PDB file of N, CA and C in Angstrom:
ATOM      1  N   MET A   1       5.027 -15.574 -17.003  1.00  0.00           N
ATOM      2  CA  MET A   1       3.951 -14.695 -16.603  1.00  0.00           C
ATOM      3  C   MET A   1       4.479 -13.280 -15.835  1.00  0.00           C
ATOM      4  N   ALA A   2       3.784 -12.444 -16.060  1.00  0.00           N
ATOM      5  CA  ALA A   2       4.503 -11.074 -15.575  1.00  0.00           C
ATOM      6  C   ALA A   2       4.097 -11.163 -14.221  1.00  0.00           C
ATOM      7  N   THR A   3       5.007 -10.186 -13.148  1.00  0.00           N
ATOM      8  CA  THR A   3       4.788 -10.206 -11.775  1.00  0.00           C
ATOM      9  C   THR A   3       4.133  -8.747 -11.453  1.00  0.00           C
ATOM     10  N   ILE A   4       3.162  -8.668 -10.549  1.00  0.00           N
ATOM     11  CA  ILE A   4       2.641  -7.427 -10.108  1.00  0.00           C
ATOM     12  C   ILE A   4       3.079  -7.227  -8.823  1.00  0.00           C
ATOM     13  N   LEU A   5       3.700  -5.964  -8.594  1.00  0.00           N
ATOM     14  CA  LEU A   5       3.959  -5.438  -7.443  1.00  0.00           C
ATOM     15  C   LEU A   5       3.237  -4.087  -6.914  1.00  0.00           C
ATOM     16  N   ILE A   6       2.691  -4.239  -6.157  1.00  0.00           N
ATOM     17  CA  ILE A   6       1.850  -3.189  -5.330  1.00  0.00           C
ATOM     18  C   ILE A   6       2.373  -2.708  -4.147  1.00  0.00           C
ATOM     19  N   LYS A   7       2.871  -1.616  -3.787  1.00  0.00           N
ATOM     20  CA  LYS A   7       3.336  -0.939  -2.546  1.00  0.00           C
ATOM     21  C   LYS A   7       2.462  -0.214  -1.944  1.00  0.00           C
ATOM     22  N   GLY A   8       2.406   0.072  -0.638  1.00  0.00           N
ATOM     23  CA  GLY A   8       1.655   0.965   0.097  1.00  0.00           C
ATOM     24  C   GLY A   8       0.166   0.551   0.200  1.00  0.00           C
ATOM     25  N   LEU A   9       0.146  -0.759  -0.016  1.00  0.00           N
ATOM     26  CA  LEU A   9      -1.221  -1.345   0.282  1.00  0.00           C
ATOM     27  C   LEU A   9      -1.725  -1.425   1.699  1.00  0.00           C
ATOM     28  N   PRO A  10      -2.740  -0.599   1.975  1.00  0.00           N
ATOM     29  CA  PRO A  10      -3.309  -0.619   3.575  1.00  0.00           C
ATOM     30  C   PRO A  10      -3.441  -2.198   3.934  1.00  0.00           C
ATOM     31  N   GLU A  11      -2.927  -2.242   5.143  1.00  0.00           N
ATOM     32  CA  GLU A  11      -2.871  -3.650   5.802  1.00  0.00           C
ATOM     33  C   GLU A  11      -4.441  -4.342   5.817  1.00  0.00           C
ATOM     34  N   ASP A  12      -5.387  -3.495   6.287  1.00  0.00           N
ATOM     35  CA  ASP A  12      -6.870  -4.028   6.318  1.00  0.00           C
ATOM     36  C   ASP A  12      -7.208  -4.636   4.805  1.00  0.00           C
ATOM     37  N   LEU A  13      -6.660  -3.875   3.921  1.00  0.00           N
ATOM     38  CA  LEU A  13      -7.151  -4.303   2.367  1.00  0.00           C
ATOM     39  C   LEU A  13      -6.447  -5.535   2.050  1.00  0.00           C
ATOM     40  N   LEU A  14      -5.032  -5.707   2.446  1.00  0.00           N
ATOM     41  CA  LEU A  14      -4.257  -6.843   2.202  1.00  0.00           C
ATOM     42  C   LEU A  14      -4.875  -7.954   3.036  1.00  0.00           C
ATOM     43  N   LYS A  15      -5.296  -7.771   4.190  1.00  0.00           N
ATOM     44  CA  LYS A  15      -5.925  -8.953   4.957  1.00  0.00           C
ATOM     45  C   LYS A  15      -7.262  -9.355   4.475  1.00  0.00           C
ATOM     46  N   GLU A  16      -7.891  -8.493   3.556  1.00  0.00           N
ATOM     47  CA  GLU A  16      -9.284  -8.851   3.052  1.00  0.00           C
ATOM     48  C   GLU A  16      -8.904  -9.765   1.824  1.00  0.00           C
ATOM     49  N   LEU A  17      -7.951  -9.317   1.138  1.00  0.00           N
ATOM     50  CA  LEU A  17      -7.421 -10.115  -0.122  1.00  0.00           C
ATOM     51  C   LEU A  17      -7.041 -11.281   0.277  1.00  0.00           C
ATOM     52  N   LYS A  18      -6.234 -11.368   1.197  1.00  0.00           N
ATOM     53  CA  LYS A  18      -5.716 -12.717   1.567  1.00  0.00           C
ATOM     54  C   LYS A  18      -6.896 -13.833   1.979  1.00  0.00           C
ATOM     55  N   ARG A  19      -7.920 -13.096   2.699  1.00  0.00           N
ATOM     56  CA  ARG A  19      -8.998 -13.912   2.984  1.00  0.00           C
ATOM     57  C   ARG A  19      -9.912 -14.348   1.788  1.00  0.00           C
ATOM     58  N   LEU A  20     -10.080 -13.390   0.852  1.00  0.00           N
ATOM     59  CA  LEU A  20     -10.704 -13.953  -0.420  1.00  0.00           C
ATOM     60  C   LEU A  20      -9.777 -14.984  -1.204  1.00  0.00           C
ATOM     61  N   LYS A  21      -8.728 -14.675  -0.916  1.00  0.00           N
ATOM     62  CA  LYS A  21      -7.601 -15.813  -1.809  1.00  0.00           C
ATOM     63  C   LYS A  21      -8.079 -17.187  -1.143  1.00  0.00           C
ATOM     64  N   VAL A  22      -8.079 -17.273   0.037  1.00  0.00           N
ATOM     65  CA  VAL A  22      -8.325 -18.587   0.684  1.00  0.00           C
ATOM     66  C   VAL A  22      -9.773 -18.971   0.588  1.00  0.00           C
ATOM     67  N   GLU A  23     -10.683 -18.166   0.604  1.00  0.00           N
ATOM     68  CA  GLU A  23     -12.187 -18.539   0.426  1.00  0.00           C
ATOM     69  C   GLU A  23     -12.463 -18.898  -1.015  1.00  0.00           C
ATOM     70  N   TRP A  24     -11.916 -18.332  -1.993  1.00  0.00           N
ATOM     71  CA  TRP A  24     -12.134 -18.755  -3.413  1.00  0.00           C
ATOM     72  C   TRP A  24     -11.114 -19.589  -3.691  1.00  0.00           C
ATOM     73  N   ASN A  25     -10.210 -20.254  -3.020  1.00  0.00           N
ATOM     74  CA  ASN A  25      -9.322 -21.496  -3.400  1.00  0.00           C
ATOM     75  C   ASN A  25      -8.346 -20.833  -4.400  1.00  0.00           C
ATOM     76  N   CYS A  26      -7.782 -19.908  -4.447  1.00  0.00           N
ATOM     77  CA  CYS A  26      -6.954 -19.276  -5.517  1.00  0.00           C
ATOM     78  C   CYS A  26      -5.727 -19.610  -5.148  1.00  0.00           C
ATOM     79  N   LYS A  27      -4.700 -20.184  -6.030  1.00  0.00           N
ATOM     80  CA  LYS A  27      -3.536 -20.620  -5.659  1.00  0.00           C
ATOM     81  C   LYS A  27      -2.492 -19.325  -5.883  1.00  0.00           C
ATOM     82  N   THR A  28      -2.822 -18.382  -6.672  1.00  0.00           N
ATOM     83  CA  THR A  28      -1.931 -17.384  -6.832  1.00  0.00           C
ATOM     84  C   THR A  28      -2.526 -16.060  -6.886  1.00  0.00           C
ATOM     85  N   TRP A  29      -1.909 -14.995  -6.686  1.00  0.00           N
ATOM     86  CA  TRP A  29      -2.614 -13.626  -6.466  1.00  0.00           C
ATOM     87  C   TRP A  29      -3.082 -13.267  -8.024  1.00  0.00           C
ATOM     88  N   ALA A  30      -2.689 -13.693  -9.215  1.00  0.00           N
ATOM     89  CA  ALA A  30      -2.956 -13.572 -10.289  1.00  0.00           C
ATOM     90  C   ALA A  30      -4.330 -14.353 -10.552  1.00  0.00           C
ATOM     91  N   GLU A  31      -4.287 -15.310 -10.151  1.00  0.00           N
ATOM     92  CA  GLU A  31      -5.733 -16.188  -9.956  1.00  0.00           C
ATOM     93  C   GLU A  31      -6.764 -15.277  -9.370  1.00  0.00           C
ATOM     94  N   LEU A  32      -6.460 -14.708  -8.073  1.00  0.00           N
ATOM     95  CA  LEU A  32      -7.478 -14.021  -7.280  1.00  0.00           C
ATOM     96  C   LEU A  32      -7.705 -12.784  -8.072  1.00  0.00           C
ATOM     97  N   LEU A  33      -6.888 -12.024  -8.939  1.00  0.00           N
ATOM     98  CA  LEU A  33      -7.145 -10.757  -9.651  1.00  0.00           C
ATOM     99  C   LEU A  33      -8.090 -11.168 -10.824  1.00  0.00           C
ATOM    100  N   ALA A  34      -7.790 -12.197 -11.439  1.00  0.00           N
ATOM    101  CA  ALA A  34      -8.809 -12.827 -12.479  1.00  0.00           C
ATOM    102  C   ALA A  34     -10.120 -12.822 -12.028  1.00  0.00           C
ATOM    103  N   LYS A  35     -10.214 -13.712 -10.791  1.00  0.00           N
ATOM    104  CA  LYS A  35     -11.689 -13.923 -10.288  1.00  0.00           C
ATOM    105  C   LYS A  35     -12.267 -12.609  -9.725  1.00  0.00           C
ATOM    106  N   LEU A  36     -11.541 -11.701  -9.295  1.00  0.00           N
ATOM    107  CA  LEU A  36     -12.214 -10.493  -8.717  1.00  0.00           C
ATOM    108  C   LEU A  36     -12.554  -9.678 -10.118  1.00  0.00           C
ATOM    109  N   LEU A  37     -11.896  -9.635 -11.220  1.00  0.00           N
ATOM    110  CA  LEU A  37     -12.227  -8.940 -12.354  1.00  0.00           C
ATOM    111  C   LEU A  37     -13.656  -9.604 -12.990  1.00  0.00           C
ATOM    112  N   GLU A  38     -13.668 -10.850 -12.953  1.00  0.00           N
ATOM    113  CA  GLU A  38     -14.819 -11.656 -13.468  1.00  0.00           C
ATOM    114  C   GLU A  38     -16.184 -11.564 -12.590  1.00  0.00           C
ATOM    115  N   SER A  39     -15.988 -11.307 -11.331  1.00  0.00           N
ATOM    116  CA  SER A  39     -17.048 -11.318 -10.582  1.00  0.00           C
ATOM    117  C   SER A  39     -17.890 -10.037 -10.740  1.00  0.00           C
ATOM    118  N   ARG A  40     -19.219  -9.948 -10.708  1.00  0.00           N
ATOM    119  CA  ARG A  40     -20.007  -9.242 -10.716  1.00  0.00           C
ATOM    120  C   ARG A  40     -20.579  -8.451  -9.568  1.00  0.00           C
ATOM    121  N   GLN A  41     -20.076  -8.958  -8.521  1.00  0.00           N
ATOM    122  CA  GLN A  41     -20.307  -8.420  -7.126  1.00  0.00           C
ATOM    123  C   GLN A  41     -20.277  -6.680  -6.935  1.00  0.00           C
ATOM    124  N   LEU A  42     -21.064  -6.130  -6.290  1.00  0.00           N
ATOM    125  CA  LEU A  42     -21.074  -4.927  -5.942  1.00  0.00           C
ATOM    126  C   LEU A  42     -20.077  -4.473  -4.936  1.00  0.00           C
ATOM    127  N   ILE A  43     -19.192  -3.655  -5.071  1.00  0.00           N
ATOM    128  CA  ILE A  43     -18.049  -3.451  -4.288  1.00  0.00           C
ATOM    129  C   ILE A  43     -18.416  -1.937  -3.704  1.00  0.00           C
ATOM    130  N   LEU A  44     -18.311  -1.850  -2.409  1.00  0.00           N
ATOM    131  CA  LEU A  44     -18.684  -0.652  -1.657  1.00  0.00           C
ATOM    132  C   LEU A  44     -17.451  -0.012  -1.093  1.00  0.00           C
ATOM    133  N   LEU A  45     -17.137   1.195  -1.353  1.00  0.00           N
ATOM    134  CA  LEU A  45     -16.089   1.861  -0.836  1.00  0.00           C
ATOM    135  C   LEU A  45     -16.598   3.127  -0.074  1.00  0.00           C
ATOM    136  N   SER A  46     -15.774   3.278   0.974  1.00  0.00           N
ATOM    137  CA  SER A  46     -16.020   4.349   2.020  1.00  0.00           C
ATOM    138  C   SER A  46     -15.636   5.547   1.201  1.00  0.00           C
ATOM    139  N   GLU A  47     -16.260   6.742   1.921  1.00  0.00           N
ATOM    140  CA  GLU A  47     -15.887   8.029   1.277  1.00  0.00           C
ATOM    141  C   GLU A  47     -14.425   8.402   1.229  1.00  0.00           C
ATOM    142  N   LYS A  48     -13.700   7.814   2.504  1.00  0.00           N
ATOM    143  CA  LYS A  48     -12.225   8.072   2.553  1.00  0.00           C
ATOM    144  C   LYS A  48     -11.435   7.461   1.318  1.00  0.00           C
ATOM    145  N   ASP A  49     -11.900   6.214   1.132  1.00  0.00           N
ATOM    146  CA  ASP A  49     -11.612   5.211   0.104  1.00  0.00           C
ATOM    147  C   ASP A  49     -11.610   5.869  -1.327  1.00  0.00           C
ATOM    148  N   LEU A  50     -12.953   6.489  -1.596  1.00  0.00           N
ATOM    149  CA  LEU A  50     -13.194   7.474  -2.802  1.00  0.00           C
ATOM    150  C   LEU A  50     -12.110   8.731  -2.898  1.00  0.00           C
ATOM    151  N   ASN A  51     -12.109   9.262  -1.722  1.00  0.00           N
ATOM    152  CA  ASN A  51     -11.076  10.563  -2.031  1.00  0.00           C
ATOM    153  C   ASN A  51      -9.718   9.952  -2.105  1.00  0.00           C
ATOM    154  N   GLY A  52      -9.270   9.109  -1.707  1.00  0.00           N
ATOM    155  CA  GLY A  52      -7.844   8.320  -1.893  1.00  0.00           C
ATOM    156  C   GLY A  52      -7.845   8.273  -3.393  1.00  0.00           C
ATOM    157  N   ILE A  53      -8.745   7.479  -3.922  1.00  0.00           N
ATOM    158  CA  ILE A  53      -8.574   7.302  -5.211  1.00  0.00           C
ATOM    159  C   ILE A  53      -8.722   8.358  -6.146  1.00  0.00           C
ATOM    160  N   ARG A  54      -9.453   9.263  -5.766  1.00  0.00           N
ATOM    161  CA  ARG A  54      -9.651  10.762  -6.497  1.00  0.00           C
ATOM    162  C   ARG A  54      -8.311  11.416  -6.572  1.00  0.00           C
ATOM    163  N   VAL A  55      -7.707  11.181  -5.431  1.00  0.00           N
ATOM    164  CA  VAL A  55      -6.282  12.061  -5.355  1.00  0.00           C
ATOM    165  C   VAL A  55      -5.191  11.412  -6.193  1.00  0.00           C
ATOM    166  N   GLY A  56      -5.274  10.142  -6.032  1.00  0.00           N
ATOM    167  CA  GLY A  56      -4.536   9.230  -6.935  1.00  0.00           C
ATOM    168  C   GLY A  56      -4.547   9.531  -8.340  1.00  0.00           C
ATOM    169  N   VAL A  57      -5.759   9.612  -8.774  1.00  0.00           N
ATOM    170  CA  VAL A  57      -6.076   9.715 -10.085  1.00  0.00           C
ATOM    171  C   VAL A  57      -5.403  11.184 -10.613  1.00  0.00           C
ATOM    172  N   LYS A  58      -5.769  12.365  -9.946  1.00  0.00           N
ATOM    173  CA  LYS A  58      -5.428  13.376 -10.104  1.00  0.00           C
ATOM    174  C   LYS A  58      -3.783  13.535 -10.091  1.00  0.00           C
ATOM    175  N   LYS A  59      -3.202  13.008  -9.299  1.00  0.00           N
ATOM    176  CA  LYS A  59      -1.842  12.844  -9.352  1.00  0.00           C
ATOM    177  C   LYS A  59      -0.962  12.044 -10.578  1.00  0.00           C
ATOM    178  N   PHE A  60      -1.855  11.214 -10.884  1.00  0.00           N
ATOM    179  CA  PHE A  60      -1.439  10.190 -12.106  1.00  0.00           C
ATOM    180  C   PHE A  60      -1.755  11.254 -13.309  1.00  0.00           C
ATOM    181  N   LEU A  61      -2.754  11.775 -13.564  1.00  0.00           N
ATOM    182  CA  LEU A  61      -2.868  12.628 -14.532  1.00  0.00           C
ATOM    183  C   LEU A  61      -1.898  13.781 -14.710  1.00  0.00           C
ATOM    184  N   LYS A  62      -1.653  14.485 -13.598  1.00  0.00           N
ATOM    185  CA  LYS A  62      -0.460  15.563 -13.364  1.00  0.00           C
ATOM    186  C   LYS A  62       0.698  15.008 -13.981  1.00  0.00           C
ATOM    187  N   LEU A  63       1.121  13.825 -13.510  1.00  0.00           N
ATOM    188  CA  LEU A  63       2.341  13.190 -13.909  1.00  0.00           C
ATOM    189  C   LEU A  63       2.312  12.927 -15.278  1.00  0.00           C
ATOM    190  N   ARG A  64       1.364  12.531 -16.016  1.00  0.00           N
ATOM    191  CA  ARG A  64       0.936  12.294 -17.454  1.00  0.00           C
ATOM    192  C   ARG A  64       1.330  13.415 -18.075  1.00  0.00           C
ATOM    193  N   ASP A  65       0.744  14.600 -17.668  1.00  0.00           N
ATOM    194  CA  ASP A  65       1.053  15.914 -18.361  1.00  0.00           C
ATOM    195  C   ASP A  65       2.135  16.559 -18.313  1.00  0.00           C
ATOM    196  N   THR A  66       2.925  16.093 -17.171  1.00  0.00           N
ATOM    197  CA  THR A  66       4.337  16.670 -17.097  1.00  0.00           C
ATOM    198  C   THR A  66       5.132  15.887 -17.933  1.00  0.00           C
ATOM    199  N   VAL A  67       4.916  14.513 -18.027  1.00  0.00           N
ATOM    200  CA  VAL A  67       5.808  13.740 -18.781  1.00  0.00           C
ATOM    201  C   VAL A  67       5.662  14.131 -20.167  1.00  0.00           C
ATOM    202  N   SER A  68       4.369  14.255 -20.834  1.00  0.00           N
ATOM    203  CA  SER A  68       3.936  14.655 -21.945  1.00  0.00           C
ATOM    204  C   SER A  68       4.656  16.023 -22.507  1.00  0.00           C
ATOM    205  N   GLU A  69       4.638  16.919 -21.605  1.00  0.00           N
ATOM    206  CA  GLU A  69       5.485  18.151 -22.019  1.00  0.00           C
ATOM    207  C   GLU A  69       6.690  17.980 -22.261  1.00  0.00           C
ATOM    208  N   LYS A  70       7.426  17.324 -21.685  1.00  0.00           N
ATOM    209  CA  LYS A  70       8.918  17.119 -21.666  1.00  0.00           C
ATOM    210  C   LYS A  70       9.224  16.070 -22.981  1.00  0.00           C
ATOM    211  N   TRP A  71       8.205  15.464 -23.226  1.00  0.00           N
ATOM    212  CA  TRP A  71       8.657  14.409 -24.236  1.00  0.00           C
ATOM    213  C   TRP A  71       8.870  15.047 -25.621  1.00  0.00           C
ATOM    214  N   SER A  72       9.948  14.942 -26.379  1.00  0.00           N
ATOM    215  CA  SER A  72      10.410  15.652 -27.478  1.00  0.00           C
ATOM    216  C   SER A  72       9.727  15.063 -28.739  1.00  0.00           C
ATOM    217  N   GLY A  73       9.291  13.906 -28.969  1.00  0.00           N
ATOM    218  CA  GLY A  73       8.904  13.281 -29.886  1.00  0.00           C
ATOM    219  C   GLY A  73       8.700  11.732 -29.805  1.00  0.00           C
ATOM    220  N   PRO A  74       8.230  10.820 -30.839  1.00  0.00           N
ATOM    221  CA  PRO A  74       8.054   9.526 -30.627  1.00  0.00           C
ATOM    222  C   PRO A  74       9.636   8.947 -30.248  1.00  0.00           C
ATOM    223  N   PRO A  75       9.398   8.245 -29.187  1.00  0.00           N
ATOM    224  CA  PRO A  75      10.662   7.457 -28.697  1.00  0.00           C
ATOM    225  C   PRO A  75      11.241   6.305 -29.513  1.00  0.00           C
ATOM    226  N   THR A  76      12.643   6.030 -29.510  1.00  0.00           N
ATOM    227  CA  THR A  76      13.060   5.041 -30.148  1.00  0.00           C
ATOM    228  C   THR A  76      13.849   4.227 -28.935  1.00  0.00           C
ATOM    229  N   ALA A  77      13.877   2.917 -29.258  1.00  0.00           N
ATOM    230  CA  ALA A  77      14.510   1.981 -28.213  1.00  0.00           C
ATOM    231  C   ALA A  77      16.040   2.534 -27.973  1.00  0.00           C
ATOM    232  N   ILE A  78      16.724   2.907 -29.118  1.00  0.00           N
ATOM    233  CA  ILE A  78      18.007   3.353 -28.946  1.00  0.00           C
ATOM    234  C   ILE A  78      18.250   4.842 -27.946  1.00  0.00           C
ATOM    235  N   GLU A  79      17.295   5.583 -28.276  1.00  0.00           N
ATOM    236  CA  GLU A  79      17.188   6.950 -27.415  1.00  0.00           C
ATOM    237  C   GLU A  79      16.769   6.576 -25.943  1.00  0.00           C
ATOM    238  N   GLU A  80      15.892   5.768 -25.831  1.00  0.00           N
ATOM    239  CA  GLU A  80      15.533   5.268 -24.554  1.00  0.00           C
ATOM    240  C   GLU A  80      16.563   4.852 -23.613  1.00  0.00           C
ATOM    241  N   SER A  81      17.445   3.826 -24.449  1.00  0.00           N
ATOM    242  CA  SER A  81      18.578   3.382 -23.825  1.00  0.00           C
ATOM    243  C   SER A  81      19.561   4.328 -23.214  1.00  0.00           C
ATOM    244  N   ARG A  82      19.833   5.120 -24.425  1.00  0.00           N
ATOM    245  CA  ARG A  82      20.782   6.186 -23.881  1.00  0.00           C
ATOM    246  C   ARG A  82      20.484   7.103 -22.809  1.00  0.00           C
ATOM    247  N   ARG A  83      19.089   7.422 -22.828  1.00  0.00           N
ATOM    248  CA  ARG A  83      18.498   8.008 -21.706  1.00  0.00           C
ATOM    249  C   ARG A  83      18.655   7.558 -20.352  1.00  0.00           C
ATOM    250  N   SER A  84      18.134   6.114 -20.283  1.00  0.00           N
ATOM    251  CA  SER A  84      18.297   5.593 -19.208  1.00  0.00           C
ATOM    252  C   SER A  84      19.792   5.232 -18.646  1.00  0.00           C
ATOM    253  N   ARG A  85      20.837   5.058 -19.449  1.00  0.00           N
ATOM    254  CA  ARG A  85      22.253   4.845 -19.181  1.00  0.00           C
ATOM    255  C   ARG A  85      22.541   6.302 -18.537  1.00  0.00           C
ATOM    256  N   ALA A  86      22.298   7.436 -19.057  1.00  0.00           N
ATOM    257  CA  ALA A  86      22.830   8.534 -18.751  1.00  0.00           C
ATOM    258  C   ALA A  86      22.062   9.015 -17.325  1.00  0.00           C
ATOM    259  N   HIS A  87      20.922   8.675 -17.224  1.00  0.00           N
ATOM    260  CA  HIS A  87      20.320   8.573 -15.973  1.00  0.00           C
ATOM    261  C   HIS A  87      21.177   7.997 -14.683  1.00  0.00           C
ATOM    262  N   GLU A  88      21.352   6.651 -15.221  1.00  0.00           N
ATOM    263  CA  GLU A  88      22.030   5.930 -14.194  1.00  0.00           C
ATOM    264  C   GLU A  88      23.471   6.354 -13.718  1.00  0.00           C
ATOM    265  N   ILE A  89      23.969   7.106 -14.564  1.00  0.00           N
ATOM    266  CA  ILE A  89      25.482   7.716 -14.269  1.00  0.00           C
ATOM    267  C   ILE A  89      25.268   8.732 -13.481  1.00  0.00           C
ATOM    268  N   SER A  90      24.138   9.593 -13.702  1.00  0.00           N
ATOM    269  CA  SER A  90      24.127  10.960 -12.848  1.00  0.00           C
ATOM    270  C   SER A  90      23.902  10.824 -11.382  1.00  0.00           C
TER     271      SER A  90
END
């Protein structure tokens, strides 16, 4: 099973997720994530959270555009391996 790593998670959100993990008897974080996705509960976000989400989405889309502009064509495994090795050496 794949591992999910999330950096920069606010402490209060992590505390709430830990509480839900215990409350819902989840043994793993993946199990908690699955239950969160299955739940139909309304999730209320503050204006600060919404603004943070908007900023994150805009930055992600900007990054996508930047990468797409520099992409020369459909990548192959060999090209990507060479590119990653060249990047490691620099």
